[in-house]
Amino acid sequence: MKNLLLIGDSIRMGYDSFVQEKLAGRMNVYFPAENCRFVQYTLRTLSDWKAQLELPEIDVVHWNNGLWDVLHLNACSAGADGEAAGETIRPENVPQEFVYDKDPLTPPEMYRYMLNRTLTRIHQLFPKAEVIFATSTPVIEEQASWAYRSNAEIGQYNAIAREELVPRGVRINELGAFAAEYCADKHSDWVHYLPEGCDLLAGEIVQYLEKENLI
């Protein structure tokens, strides 16, 4: 059987066991126990996960970074400790009196650069693997509190991923578009999904692998 490695943030942590269950007897599915967070964290930690998981030769890497990268940290006008620093924003659609850092955790040009660095690292560690990048899923902006994400920026970062990765042979799984259409009423909070939503995402990933003849 082929070996699949799932890399990604807490959305991946929601669907990984569902993917593993759906592919039982068809693919060996591996994933880190921890949240892969933002793209630079994935770049730094990927070799550690390979060692910890004692991975065999990986045939397919299904990868996502983005939701942490678009994160605007709470600038501490309410709901968090610390002091605001630098320029801030106050989104009009967030009802609480929260103020957030103007810049996202990973600014767009840095995201572009780090995606390429991380892809190179994936190729170094898993040289025979086909690489799939899954676009980031949407959020309910109005429920933001400790941090803020905008769906416009999520779309912008998804576009950056396509621009940078497709020319380098990466396949794109439009998981974000799928979630927007089929999982909008299955949120457990402003970012994550209920088990039935995670199950739907896992089913879409399996169907994508089948369509691409990667199983």
N, C-alpha and C. Protein backbone atom coordinates (compact mmCIF):
# COMPACT_ATOMS: atom_id res chain seq x y z
N MET A 1 0.84 -1.21 0.00
CA MET A 1 0.00 0.00 0.00
C MET A 1 0.86 1.24 0.00
N LYS A 2 0.33 2.31 -0.57
CA LYS A 2 1.03 3.58 -0.57
C LYS A 2 0.93 4.24 0.81
N ASN A 3 1.86 5.16 1.05
CA ASN A 3 1.94 5.85 2.33
C ASN A 3 1.61 7.33 2.15
N LEU A 4 0.65 7.81 2.95
CA LEU A 4 0.16 9.19 2.88
C LEU A 4 0.55 9.92 4.16
N LEU A 5 1.12 11.12 4.02
CA LEU A 5 1.43 11.97 5.16
C LEU A 5 0.53 13.21 5.10
N LEU A 6 -0.21 13.44 6.18
CA LEU A 6 -1.05 14.62 6.32
C LEU A 6 -0.33 15.65 7.18
N ILE A 7 -0.15 16.85 6.65
CA ILE A 7 0.49 17.95 7.38
C ILE A 7 -0.48 19.11 7.40
N GLY A 8 -0.70 19.71 8.56
CA GLY A 8 -1.59 20.87 8.59
C GLY A 8 -1.93 21.29 10.00
N ASP A 9 -2.78 22.30 10.07
CA ASP A 9 -3.13 22.93 11.34
C ASP A 9 -4.25 22.17 12.06
N SER A 10 -5.00 22.85 12.90
CA SER A 10 -6.04 22.17 13.69
C SER A 10 -7.20 21.69 12.83
N ILE A 11 -7.39 22.25 11.64
CA ILE A 11 -8.38 21.69 10.73
C ILE A 11 -7.96 20.28 10.33
N ARG A 12 -6.68 20.10 10.02
CA ARG A 12 -6.16 18.75 9.74
C ARG A 12 -6.31 17.83 10.94
N MET A 13 -6.10 18.38 12.14
CA MET A 13 -6.25 17.56 13.34
C MET A 13 -7.69 17.11 13.52
N GLY A 14 -8.64 17.86 12.93
CA GLY A 14 -10.04 17.45 12.99
C GLY A 14 -10.36 16.31 12.05
N TYR A 15 -9.74 16.31 10.85
CA TYR A 15 -10.12 15.30 9.86
C TYR A 15 -9.15 14.14 9.74
N ASP A 16 -7.96 14.20 10.36
CA ASP A 16 -6.94 13.19 10.07
C ASP A 16 -7.39 11.77 10.41
N SER A 17 -8.02 11.58 11.57
CA SER A 17 -8.44 10.23 11.95
C SER A 17 -9.56 9.72 11.05
N PHE A 18 -10.41 10.63 10.54
CA PHE A 18 -11.45 10.24 9.60
C PHE A 18 -10.84 9.77 8.28
N VAL A 19 -9.82 10.48 7.81
CA VAL A 19 -9.13 10.06 6.59
C VAL A 19 -8.50 8.68 6.80
N GLN A 20 -7.85 8.52 7.93
CA GLN A 20 -7.21 7.24 8.24
C GLN A 20 -8.23 6.10 8.24
N GLU A 21 -9.38 6.35 8.84
CA GLU A 21 -10.43 5.32 8.89
C GLU A 21 -10.97 5.01 7.49
N LYS A 22 -11.19 6.05 6.69
CA LYS A 22 -11.76 5.83 5.36
C LYS A 22 -10.78 5.13 4.42
N LEU A 23 -9.48 5.28 4.68
CA LEU A 23 -8.47 4.68 3.81
C LEU A 23 -7.90 3.37 4.38
N ALA A 24 -8.48 2.88 5.45
CA ALA A 24 -7.99 1.64 6.06
C ALA A 24 -8.00 0.51 5.02
N GLY A 25 -6.86 -0.16 4.89
CA GLY A 25 -6.73 -1.24 3.92
C GLY A 25 -6.42 -0.77 2.51
N ARG A 26 -6.35 0.59 2.32
CA ARG A 26 -6.08 1.13 0.99
C ARG A 26 -4.80 1.98 0.98
N MET A 27 -4.58 2.75 2.03
CA MET A 27 -3.36 3.54 2.18
C MET A 27 -2.98 3.56 3.66
N ASN A 28 -1.69 3.62 3.93
CA ASN A 28 -1.21 3.87 5.29
C ASN A 28 -1.18 5.38 5.49
N VAL A 29 -1.84 5.86 6.54
CA VAL A 29 -1.99 7.30 6.76
C VAL A 29 -1.22 7.70 8.02
N TYR A 30 -0.36 8.70 7.88
CA TYR A 30 0.46 9.20 8.98
C TYR A 30 0.21 10.69 9.16
N PHE A 31 0.36 11.16 10.40
CA PHE A 31 0.23 12.60 10.68
C PHE A 31 0.85 12.89 12.04
N PRO A 32 1.40 14.09 12.22
CA PRO A 32 1.95 14.46 13.53
C PRO A 32 0.83 14.55 14.57
N ALA A 33 1.20 14.31 15.83
CA ALA A 33 0.22 14.46 16.90
C ALA A 33 -0.07 15.92 17.18
N GLU A 34 0.86 16.80 16.82
CA GLU A 34 0.70 18.22 17.14
C GLU A 34 0.18 19.03 15.97
N ASN A 35 -0.24 20.23 16.30
CA ASN A 35 -0.68 21.21 15.32
C ASN A 35 0.52 21.71 14.52
N CYS A 36 0.43 21.68 13.21
CA CYS A 36 1.55 22.13 12.37
C CYS A 36 1.60 23.65 12.22
N ARG A 37 0.58 24.35 12.70
CA ARG A 37 0.60 25.81 12.87
C ARG A 37 0.88 26.56 11.59
N PHE A 38 1.81 27.52 11.67
CA PHE A 38 2.10 28.41 10.55
C PHE A 38 3.23 27.85 9.70
N VAL A 39 3.42 28.43 8.51
CA VAL A 39 4.30 27.80 7.53
C VAL A 39 5.74 27.72 8.00
N GLN A 40 6.22 28.72 8.71
CA GLN A 40 7.60 28.67 9.18
C GLN A 40 7.78 27.59 10.25
N TYR A 41 6.76 27.38 11.06
CA TYR A 41 6.81 26.31 12.07
C TYR A 41 6.87 24.94 11.38
N THR A 42 6.10 24.77 10.33
CA THR A 42 6.15 23.52 9.58
C THR A 42 7.53 23.30 8.97
N LEU A 43 8.08 24.35 8.40
CA LEU A 43 9.43 24.26 7.84
C LEU A 43 10.43 23.79 8.89
N ARG A 44 10.37 24.37 10.06
CA ARG A 44 11.33 24.04 11.12
C ARG A 44 11.12 22.63 11.67
N THR A 45 9.89 22.18 11.77
CA THR A 45 9.59 20.97 12.54
C THR A 45 9.38 19.73 11.69
N LEU A 46 9.33 19.87 10.39
CA LEU A 46 9.02 18.74 9.53
C LEU A 46 9.98 17.57 9.71
N SER A 47 11.26 17.86 9.82
CA SER A 47 12.23 16.78 10.00
C SER A 47 12.05 16.09 11.35
N ASP A 48 11.63 16.84 12.37
CA ASP A 48 11.35 16.24 13.67
C ASP A 48 10.19 15.27 13.59
N TRP A 49 9.14 15.67 12.89
CA TRP A 49 7.98 14.78 12.74
C TRP A 49 8.35 13.53 11.98
N LYS A 50 9.19 13.67 10.96
CA LYS A 50 9.61 12.49 10.21
C LYS A 50 10.31 11.49 11.13
N ALA A 51 11.17 12.00 11.99
CA ALA A 51 11.89 11.12 12.91
C ALA A 51 10.96 10.53 13.97
N GLN A 52 10.10 11.37 14.55
CA GLN A 52 9.21 10.91 15.61
C GLN A 52 8.25 9.83 15.12
N LEU A 53 7.75 10.00 13.91
CA LEU A 53 6.79 9.05 13.36
C LEU A 53 7.45 7.83 12.74
N GLU A 54 8.79 7.86 12.63
CA GLU A 54 9.53 6.77 12.01
C GLU A 54 8.92 6.43 10.65
N LEU A 55 8.80 7.44 9.82
CA LEU A 55 8.06 7.30 8.58
C LEU A 55 8.78 6.40 7.58
N PRO A 56 8.01 5.61 6.85
CA PRO A 56 8.56 4.87 5.72
C PRO A 56 8.68 5.82 4.52
N GLU A 57 8.97 5.27 3.36
CA GLU A 57 8.98 6.09 2.14
C GLU A 57 7.57 6.63 1.91
N ILE A 58 7.46 7.96 1.84
CA ILE A 58 6.15 8.58 1.67
C ILE A 58 5.85 8.76 0.18
N ASP A 59 4.63 8.35 -0.21
CA ASP A 59 4.21 8.46 -1.61
C ASP A 59 3.44 9.73 -1.89
N VAL A 60 2.68 10.20 -0.90
CA VAL A 60 1.85 11.39 -1.08
C VAL A 60 1.92 12.24 0.19
N VAL A 61 2.15 13.54 0.02
CA VAL A 61 2.06 14.51 1.11
C VAL A 61 0.87 15.41 0.83
N HIS A 62 -0.07 15.43 1.75
CA HIS A 62 -1.23 16.34 1.67
C HIS A 62 -1.00 17.41 2.73
N TRP A 63 -0.78 18.65 2.28
CA TRP A 63 -0.18 19.70 3.11
C TRP A 63 -1.03 20.95 3.11
N ASN A 64 -1.11 21.58 4.27
CA ASN A 64 -1.71 22.91 4.36
C ASN A 64 -1.03 23.75 5.42
N ASN A 65 -0.81 25.01 5.11
CA ASN A 65 -0.53 26.08 6.07
C ASN A 65 -1.25 27.32 5.58
N GLY A 66 -1.79 28.11 6.50
CA GLY A 66 -2.45 29.33 6.07
C GLY A 66 -3.27 30.00 7.15
N LEU A 67 -4.06 29.22 7.88
CA LEU A 67 -4.94 29.84 8.87
C LEU A 67 -4.16 30.51 10.00
N TRP A 68 -3.05 29.95 10.41
CA TRP A 68 -2.21 30.63 11.39
C TRP A 68 -1.51 31.83 10.75
N ASP A 69 -1.16 31.71 9.49
CA ASP A 69 -0.40 32.77 8.84
C ASP A 69 -1.22 34.04 8.66
N VAL A 70 -2.54 33.91 8.45
CA VAL A 70 -3.38 35.09 8.28
C VAL A 70 -3.84 35.69 9.61
N LEU A 71 -3.40 35.10 10.70
CA LEU A 71 -3.87 35.48 12.04
C LEU A 71 -3.42 36.90 12.42
N HIS A 72 -4.38 37.72 12.86
CA HIS A 72 -4.09 39.03 13.45
C HIS A 72 -4.27 38.90 14.95
N LEU A 73 -3.19 39.03 15.70
CA LEU A 73 -3.26 38.86 17.14
C LEU A 73 -4.03 39.99 17.80
N ASN A 74 -4.73 39.66 18.87
CA ASN A 74 -5.44 40.67 19.64
C ASN A 74 -4.44 41.68 20.19
N ALA A 75 -4.69 42.96 19.93
CA ALA A 75 -3.79 44.01 20.39
C ALA A 75 -4.12 44.46 21.81
N CYS A 76 -4.99 43.68 22.47
CA CYS A 76 -5.16 43.76 23.93
C CYS A 76 -5.99 44.96 24.41
N SER A 77 -6.90 45.45 23.59
CA SER A 77 -7.84 46.44 24.12
C SER A 77 -8.86 45.77 25.02
N ALA A 78 -9.05 44.46 24.83
CA ALA A 78 -9.97 43.68 25.67
C ALA A 78 -9.66 42.21 25.45
N GLY A 79 -9.91 41.42 26.47
CA GLY A 79 -9.90 39.98 26.31
C GLY A 79 -8.54 39.32 26.31
N ALA A 80 -7.47 40.06 26.52
CA ALA A 80 -6.15 39.45 26.54
C ALA A 80 -5.20 40.32 27.35
N ASP A 81 -4.11 39.72 27.78
CA ASP A 81 -3.11 40.47 28.54
C ASP A 81 -2.05 41.03 27.61
N GLY A 82 -1.34 42.05 28.08
CA GLY A 82 -0.23 42.58 27.31
C GLY A 82 -0.49 44.00 26.86
N GLU A 83 0.35 44.47 25.98
CA GLU A 83 0.25 45.83 25.47
C GLU A 83 0.18 45.83 23.96
N ALA A 84 -0.62 46.73 23.42
CA ALA A 84 -0.67 46.90 21.98
C ALA A 84 0.63 47.51 21.49
N ALA A 85 1.07 47.04 20.35
CA ALA A 85 2.30 47.59 19.76
C ALA A 85 2.08 47.74 18.27
N GLY A 86 2.53 48.85 17.72
CA GLY A 86 2.41 49.06 16.29
C GLY A 86 1.01 49.47 15.88
N GLU A 87 0.76 49.42 14.56
CA GLU A 87 -0.53 49.81 14.03
C GLU A 87 -1.57 48.73 14.28
N THR A 88 -2.81 49.17 14.47
CA THR A 88 -3.88 48.22 14.80
C THR A 88 -5.07 48.42 13.88
N ILE A 89 -5.96 47.43 13.90
CA ILE A 89 -7.21 47.48 13.15
C ILE A 89 -8.36 47.11 14.08
N ARG A 90 -9.56 47.60 13.78
CA ARG A 90 -10.76 47.23 14.51
C ARG A 90 -11.81 46.83 13.47
N PRO A 91 -11.95 45.54 13.19
CA PRO A 91 -12.89 45.09 12.16
C PRO A 91 -14.33 45.50 12.50
N GLU A 92 -15.03 46.04 11.53
CA GLU A 92 -16.38 46.54 11.77
C GLU A 92 -17.37 45.42 12.04
N ASN A 93 -17.10 44.22 11.54
CA ASN A 93 -18.07 43.14 11.70
C ASN A 93 -17.85 42.31 12.96
N VAL A 94 -16.87 42.66 13.77
CA VAL A 94 -16.66 41.97 15.05
C VAL A 94 -17.33 42.81 16.13
N PRO A 95 -18.39 42.30 16.75
CA PRO A 95 -19.19 43.15 17.64
C PRO A 95 -18.48 43.59 18.91
N GLN A 96 -17.54 42.80 19.40
CA GLN A 96 -16.83 43.18 20.61
C GLN A 96 -15.87 44.34 20.32
N GLU A 97 -15.48 45.02 21.37
CA GLU A 97 -14.55 46.15 21.22
C GLU A 97 -13.10 45.64 21.19
N PHE A 98 -12.83 44.76 20.26
CA PHE A 98 -11.49 44.21 20.13
C PHE A 98 -10.68 44.99 19.11
N VAL A 99 -9.40 45.09 19.37
CA VAL A 99 -8.47 45.72 18.44
C VAL A 99 -7.36 44.71 18.16
N TYR A 100 -6.96 44.62 16.91
CA TYR A 100 -6.01 43.60 16.49
C TYR A 100 -4.80 44.23 15.80
N ASP A 101 -3.68 43.51 15.84
CA ASP A 101 -2.51 43.95 15.10
C ASP A 101 -2.87 44.11 13.63
N LYS A 102 -2.37 45.16 13.02
CA LYS A 102 -2.68 45.42 11.62
C LYS A 102 -2.11 44.33 10.72
N ASP A 103 -0.90 43.89 11.01
CA ASP A 103 -0.24 42.90 10.15
C ASP A 103 -0.58 41.49 10.59
N PRO A 104 -0.78 40.57 9.64
CA PRO A 104 -0.96 39.17 9.99
C PRO A 104 0.35 38.56 10.49
N LEU A 105 0.23 37.40 11.09
CA LEU A 105 1.40 36.73 11.65
C LEU A 105 2.49 36.54 10.59
N THR A 106 2.09 36.09 9.41
CA THR A 106 3.02 35.93 8.29
C THR A 106 2.55 36.86 7.17
N PRO A 107 3.20 37.99 6.96
CA PRO A 107 2.79 38.89 5.88
C PRO A 107 2.83 38.19 4.52
N PRO A 108 2.04 38.66 3.56
CA PRO A 108 1.89 37.94 2.28
C PRO A 108 3.19 37.58 1.58
N GLU A 109 4.13 38.51 1.48
CA GLU A 109 5.36 38.20 0.76
C GLU A 109 6.22 37.18 1.52
N MET A 110 6.15 37.23 2.85
CA MET A 110 6.86 36.22 3.64
C MET A 110 6.19 34.85 3.47
N TYR A 111 4.87 34.84 3.41
CA TYR A 111 4.14 33.60 3.18
C TYR A 111 4.55 32.99 1.85
N ARG A 112 4.64 33.83 0.84
CA ARG A 112 5.06 33.38 -0.49
C ARG A 112 6.45 32.73 -0.42
N TYR A 113 7.37 33.40 0.25
CA TYR A 113 8.74 32.91 0.38
C TYR A 113 8.79 31.61 1.19
N MET A 114 8.06 31.58 2.31
CA MET A 114 8.12 30.42 3.19
C MET A 114 7.43 29.20 2.59
N LEU A 115 6.40 29.42 1.78
CA LEU A 115 5.79 28.29 1.07
C LEU A 115 6.82 27.59 0.20
N ASN A 116 7.60 28.37 -0.53
CA ASN A 116 8.62 27.78 -1.39
C ASN A 116 9.71 27.09 -0.59
N ARG A 117 10.12 27.70 0.51
CA ARG A 117 11.11 27.06 1.38
C ARG A 117 10.59 25.72 1.90
N THR A 118 9.32 25.71 2.33
CA THR A 118 8.75 24.49 2.90
C THR A 118 8.57 23.42 1.85
N LEU A 119 8.17 23.80 0.65
CA LEU A 119 8.06 22.82 -0.42
C LEU A 119 9.42 22.20 -0.72
N THR A 120 10.45 23.00 -0.76
CA THR A 120 11.80 22.47 -0.97
C THR A 120 12.17 21.49 0.12
N ARG A 121 11.80 21.81 1.36
CA ARG A 121 12.07 20.90 2.48
C ARG A 121 11.30 19.59 2.33
N ILE A 122 10.05 19.67 1.90
CA ILE A 122 9.27 18.46 1.67
C ILE A 122 9.95 17.58 0.63
N HIS A 123 10.42 18.21 -0.45
CA HIS A 123 11.11 17.44 -1.49
C HIS A 123 12.40 16.82 -0.97
N GLN A 124 13.10 17.52 -0.09
CA GLN A 124 14.33 16.98 0.48
C GLN A 124 14.05 15.75 1.35
N LEU A 125 13.01 15.84 2.17
CA LEU A 125 12.72 14.78 3.13
C LEU A 125 11.94 13.62 2.51
N PHE A 126 11.12 13.92 1.52
CA PHE A 126 10.26 12.90 0.90
C PHE A 126 10.40 12.99 -0.62
N PRO A 127 11.54 12.62 -1.15
CA PRO A 127 11.87 12.89 -2.56
C PRO A 127 10.97 12.19 -3.57
N LYS A 128 10.32 11.12 -3.18
CA LYS A 128 9.47 10.39 -4.13
C LYS A 128 8.00 10.77 -4.02
N ALA A 129 7.67 11.69 -3.14
CA ALA A 129 6.27 11.99 -2.85
C ALA A 129 5.65 12.95 -3.84
N GLU A 130 4.41 12.65 -4.23
CA GLU A 130 3.55 13.63 -4.89
C GLU A 130 3.05 14.58 -3.81
N VAL A 131 3.04 15.88 -4.09
CA VAL A 131 2.66 16.87 -3.09
C VAL A 131 1.33 17.52 -3.49
N ILE A 132 0.41 17.54 -2.52
CA ILE A 132 -0.89 18.21 -2.67
C ILE A 132 -0.94 19.32 -1.65
N PHE A 133 -1.36 20.50 -2.07
CA PHE A 133 -1.60 21.59 -1.12
C PHE A 133 -3.11 21.81 -1.02
N ALA A 134 -3.61 21.80 0.22
CA ALA A 134 -5.03 22.02 0.46
C ALA A 134 -5.26 23.48 0.83
N THR A 135 -6.16 24.14 0.14
CA THR A 135 -6.45 25.54 0.45
C THR A 135 -7.12 25.66 1.82
N SER A 136 -6.90 26.80 2.46
CA SER A 136 -7.42 27.03 3.82
C SER A 136 -8.93 27.22 3.80
N THR A 137 -9.55 26.77 4.87
CA THR A 137 -11.01 26.81 4.99
C THR A 137 -11.47 28.15 5.56
N PRO A 138 -12.71 28.55 5.27
CA PRO A 138 -13.21 29.85 5.73
C PRO A 138 -13.54 29.85 7.22
N VAL A 139 -13.71 31.06 7.75
CA VAL A 139 -14.02 31.25 9.17
C VAL A 139 -15.28 32.10 9.31
N ILE A 140 -15.81 32.15 10.54
CA ILE A 140 -16.92 33.05 10.86
C ILE A 140 -16.31 34.28 11.51
N GLU A 141 -16.03 35.29 10.73
CA GLU A 141 -15.27 36.45 11.20
C GLU A 141 -15.91 37.11 12.42
N GLU A 142 -17.23 37.17 12.44
CA GLU A 142 -17.94 37.91 13.48
C GLU A 142 -17.72 37.34 14.87
N GLN A 143 -17.26 36.10 14.94
CA GLN A 143 -17.04 35.45 16.24
C GLN A 143 -15.59 35.54 16.71
N ALA A 144 -14.77 36.32 16.02
CA ALA A 144 -13.37 36.46 16.41
C ALA A 144 -13.26 37.07 17.81
N SER A 145 -12.23 36.66 18.55
CA SER A 145 -12.02 37.22 19.89
C SER A 145 -10.53 37.38 20.17
N TRP A 146 -9.86 36.31 20.53
CA TRP A 146 -8.45 36.40 20.91
C TRP A 146 -7.55 36.70 19.70
N ALA A 147 -8.09 36.49 18.52
CA ALA A 147 -7.37 36.81 17.28
C ALA A 147 -8.41 36.99 16.19
N TYR A 148 -7.99 37.53 15.07
CA TYR A 148 -8.91 37.80 13.97
C TYR A 148 -8.36 37.23 12.68
N ARG A 149 -9.24 36.64 11.89
CA ARG A 149 -8.92 36.21 10.54
C ARG A 149 -10.01 36.74 9.62
N SER A 150 -9.63 37.14 8.42
CA SER A 150 -10.64 37.57 7.46
C SER A 150 -10.68 36.59 6.30
N ASN A 151 -11.87 36.34 5.80
CA ASN A 151 -12.01 35.43 4.66
C ASN A 151 -11.39 36.02 3.40
N ALA A 152 -11.37 37.35 3.32
CA ALA A 152 -10.70 37.98 2.17
C ALA A 152 -9.22 37.64 2.16
N GLU A 153 -8.57 37.73 3.33
CA GLU A 153 -7.15 37.39 3.40
C GLU A 153 -6.92 35.90 3.20
N ILE A 154 -7.82 35.07 3.71
CA ILE A 154 -7.70 33.63 3.46
C ILE A 154 -7.72 33.37 1.96
N GLY A 155 -8.61 34.04 1.26
CA GLY A 155 -8.65 33.91 -0.20
C GLY A 155 -7.37 34.41 -0.85
N GLN A 156 -6.83 35.52 -0.34
CA GLN A 156 -5.58 36.05 -0.88
C GLN A 156 -4.44 35.07 -0.68
N TYR A 157 -4.35 34.47 0.50
CA TYR A 157 -3.27 33.54 0.77
C TYR A 157 -3.43 32.25 -0.02
N ASN A 158 -4.68 31.81 -0.22
CA ASN A 158 -4.91 30.65 -1.08
C ASN A 158 -4.44 30.93 -2.50
N ALA A 159 -4.68 32.15 -2.97
CA ALA A 159 -4.23 32.53 -4.32
C ALA A 159 -2.70 32.53 -4.40
N ILE A 160 -2.05 33.02 -3.36
CA ILE A 160 -0.58 33.00 -3.33
C ILE A 160 -0.07 31.56 -3.43
N ALA A 161 -0.71 30.66 -2.69
CA ALA A 161 -0.29 29.26 -2.73
C ALA A 161 -0.40 28.69 -4.14
N ARG A 162 -1.51 28.99 -4.82
CA ARG A 162 -1.65 28.50 -6.20
C ARG A 162 -0.56 29.08 -7.09
N GLU A 163 -0.34 30.39 -6.97
CA GLU A 163 0.65 31.06 -7.83
C GLU A 163 2.05 30.48 -7.65
N GLU A 164 2.41 30.17 -6.41
CA GLU A 164 3.77 29.72 -6.13
C GLU A 164 3.96 28.23 -6.34
N LEU A 165 2.96 27.43 -5.99
CA LEU A 165 3.16 25.99 -5.91
C LEU A 165 2.81 25.24 -7.19
N VAL A 166 1.78 25.70 -7.91
CA VAL A 166 1.40 24.99 -9.13
C VAL A 166 2.54 24.94 -10.14
N PRO A 167 3.27 26.04 -10.39
CA PRO A 167 4.39 25.96 -11.33
C PRO A 167 5.49 24.99 -10.90
N ARG A 168 5.50 24.64 -9.62
CA ARG A 168 6.50 23.70 -9.13
C ARG A 168 5.95 22.27 -9.03
N GLY A 169 4.81 22.03 -9.67
CA GLY A 169 4.30 20.67 -9.78
C GLY A 169 3.40 20.22 -8.66
N VAL A 170 2.98 21.13 -7.80
CA VAL A 170 2.09 20.77 -6.68
C VAL A 170 0.65 20.78 -7.15
N ARG A 171 -0.09 19.77 -6.75
CA ARG A 171 -1.52 19.71 -7.04
C ARG A 171 -2.28 20.48 -5.96
N ILE A 172 -3.37 21.13 -6.33
CA ILE A 172 -4.14 21.91 -5.39
C ILE A 172 -5.48 21.23 -5.11
N ASN A 173 -5.72 20.93 -3.84
CA ASN A 173 -7.01 20.43 -3.40
C ASN A 173 -7.79 21.63 -2.85
N GLU A 174 -8.86 22.02 -3.52
CA GLU A 174 -9.62 23.20 -3.13
C GLU A 174 -10.53 22.89 -1.93
N LEU A 175 -9.89 22.54 -0.83
CA LEU A 175 -10.63 22.17 0.37
C LEU A 175 -11.40 23.37 0.93
N GLY A 176 -10.84 24.57 0.76
CA GLY A 176 -11.52 25.76 1.24
C GLY A 176 -12.85 25.98 0.55
N ALA A 177 -12.88 25.83 -0.76
CA ALA A 177 -14.12 25.99 -1.52
C ALA A 177 -15.12 24.91 -1.14
N PHE A 178 -14.64 23.69 -0.95
CA PHE A 178 -15.53 22.60 -0.53
C PHE A 178 -16.16 22.91 0.83
N ALA A 179 -15.34 23.36 1.77
CA ALA A 179 -15.85 23.67 3.11
C ALA A 179 -16.87 24.80 3.07
N ALA A 180 -16.61 25.81 2.24
CA ALA A 180 -17.54 26.93 2.13
C ALA A 180 -18.90 26.47 1.62
N GLU A 181 -18.92 25.49 0.72
CA GLU A 181 -20.17 25.04 0.13
C GLU A 181 -20.89 24.01 0.98
N TYR A 182 -20.14 23.10 1.60
CA TYR A 182 -20.78 21.95 2.23
C TYR A 182 -20.69 21.92 3.76
N CYS A 183 -19.84 22.77 4.35
CA CYS A 183 -19.61 22.67 5.80
C CYS A 183 -19.93 23.97 6.54
N ALA A 184 -20.55 24.93 5.87
CA ALA A 184 -20.78 26.23 6.49
C ALA A 184 -21.66 26.14 7.73
N ASP A 185 -22.55 25.16 7.79
CA ASP A 185 -23.44 25.00 8.94
C ASP A 185 -22.94 23.94 9.91
N LYS A 186 -21.67 23.58 9.78
CA LYS A 186 -21.12 22.51 10.62
C LYS A 186 -19.91 22.97 11.43
N HIS A 187 -19.88 24.27 11.74
CA HIS A 187 -18.81 24.81 12.57
C HIS A 187 -19.05 24.48 14.04
N SER A 188 -17.99 24.16 14.75
CA SER A 188 -18.05 24.01 16.21
C SER A 188 -17.70 25.32 16.91
N ASP A 189 -16.98 26.19 16.22
CA ASP A 189 -16.66 27.53 16.70
C ASP A 189 -16.40 28.37 15.45
N TRP A 190 -15.68 29.48 15.59
CA TRP A 190 -15.53 30.36 14.43
C TRP A 190 -14.56 29.86 13.38
N VAL A 191 -13.77 28.81 13.73
CA VAL A 191 -12.76 28.28 12.81
C VAL A 191 -12.96 26.80 12.54
N HIS A 192 -13.26 26.02 13.56
CA HIS A 192 -13.23 24.56 13.48
C HIS A 192 -14.59 23.97 13.16
N TYR A 193 -14.60 22.65 12.96
CA TYR A 193 -15.79 21.95 12.51
C TYR A 193 -16.22 20.87 13.49
N LEU A 194 -17.51 20.64 13.52
CA LEU A 194 -18.07 19.52 14.26
C LEU A 194 -17.61 18.21 13.62
N PRO A 195 -17.75 17.08 14.33
CA PRO A 195 -17.32 15.80 13.75
C PRO A 195 -17.92 15.53 12.37
N GLU A 196 -19.19 15.89 12.18
CA GLU A 196 -19.79 15.64 10.86
C GLU A 196 -19.14 16.50 9.78
N GLY A 197 -18.69 17.70 10.14
CA GLY A 197 -17.96 18.52 9.20
C GLY A 197 -16.59 17.95 8.88
N CYS A 198 -15.90 17.48 9.91
CA CYS A 198 -14.59 16.85 9.71
C CYS A 198 -14.70 15.60 8.85
N ASP A 199 -15.78 14.86 9.04
CA ASP A 199 -16.02 13.67 8.24
C ASP A 199 -16.23 14.03 6.77
N LEU A 200 -16.95 15.11 6.52
CA LEU A 200 -17.14 15.56 5.13
C LEU A 200 -15.82 15.98 4.50
N LEU A 201 -15.00 16.71 5.25
CA LEU A 201 -13.70 17.12 4.73
C LEU A 201 -12.84 15.90 4.40
N ALA A 202 -12.86 14.93 5.30
CA ALA A 202 -12.09 13.70 5.06
C ALA A 202 -12.58 12.98 3.81
N GLY A 203 -13.89 12.91 3.63
CA GLY A 203 -14.44 12.27 2.44
C GLY A 203 -14.01 12.98 1.17
N GLU A 204 -13.96 14.31 1.22
CA GLU A 204 -13.52 15.07 0.04
C GLU A 204 -12.06 14.78 -0.26
N ILE A 205 -11.22 14.66 0.78
CA ILE A 205 -9.80 14.37 0.57
C ILE A 205 -9.63 13.00 -0.07
N VAL A 206 -10.36 12.01 0.41
CA VAL A 206 -10.28 10.68 -0.17
C VAL A 206 -10.73 10.71 -1.63
N GLN A 207 -11.82 11.41 -1.93
CA GLN A 207 -12.29 11.52 -3.31
C GLN A 207 -11.25 12.21 -4.20
N TYR A 208 -10.58 13.22 -3.64
CA TYR A 208 -9.54 13.90 -4.42
C TYR A 208 -8.40 12.93 -4.74
N LEU A 209 -7.97 12.16 -3.76
CA LEU A 209 -6.89 11.19 -3.98
C LEU A 209 -7.30 10.16 -5.04
N GLU A 210 -8.56 9.74 -4.99
CA GLU A 210 -9.05 8.79 -5.98
C GLU A 210 -9.06 9.41 -7.37
N LYS A 211 -9.56 10.65 -7.47
CA LYS A 211 -9.63 11.34 -8.76
C LYS A 211 -8.24 11.52 -9.37
N GLU A 212 -7.26 11.77 -8.52
CA GLU A 212 -5.89 11.99 -9.00
C GLU A 212 -5.08 10.70 -9.14
N ASN A 213 -5.75 9.56 -8.92
CA ASN A 213 -5.10 8.25 -9.04
C ASN A 213 -3.87 8.12 -8.13
N LEU A 214 -4.01 8.57 -6.90
CA LEU A 214 -2.91 8.56 -5.96
C LEU A 214 -3.05 7.49 -4.87
N ILE A 215 -4.11 6.74 -4.89
CA ILE A 215 -4.30 5.67 -3.91
C ILE A 215 -3.75 4.37 -4.46
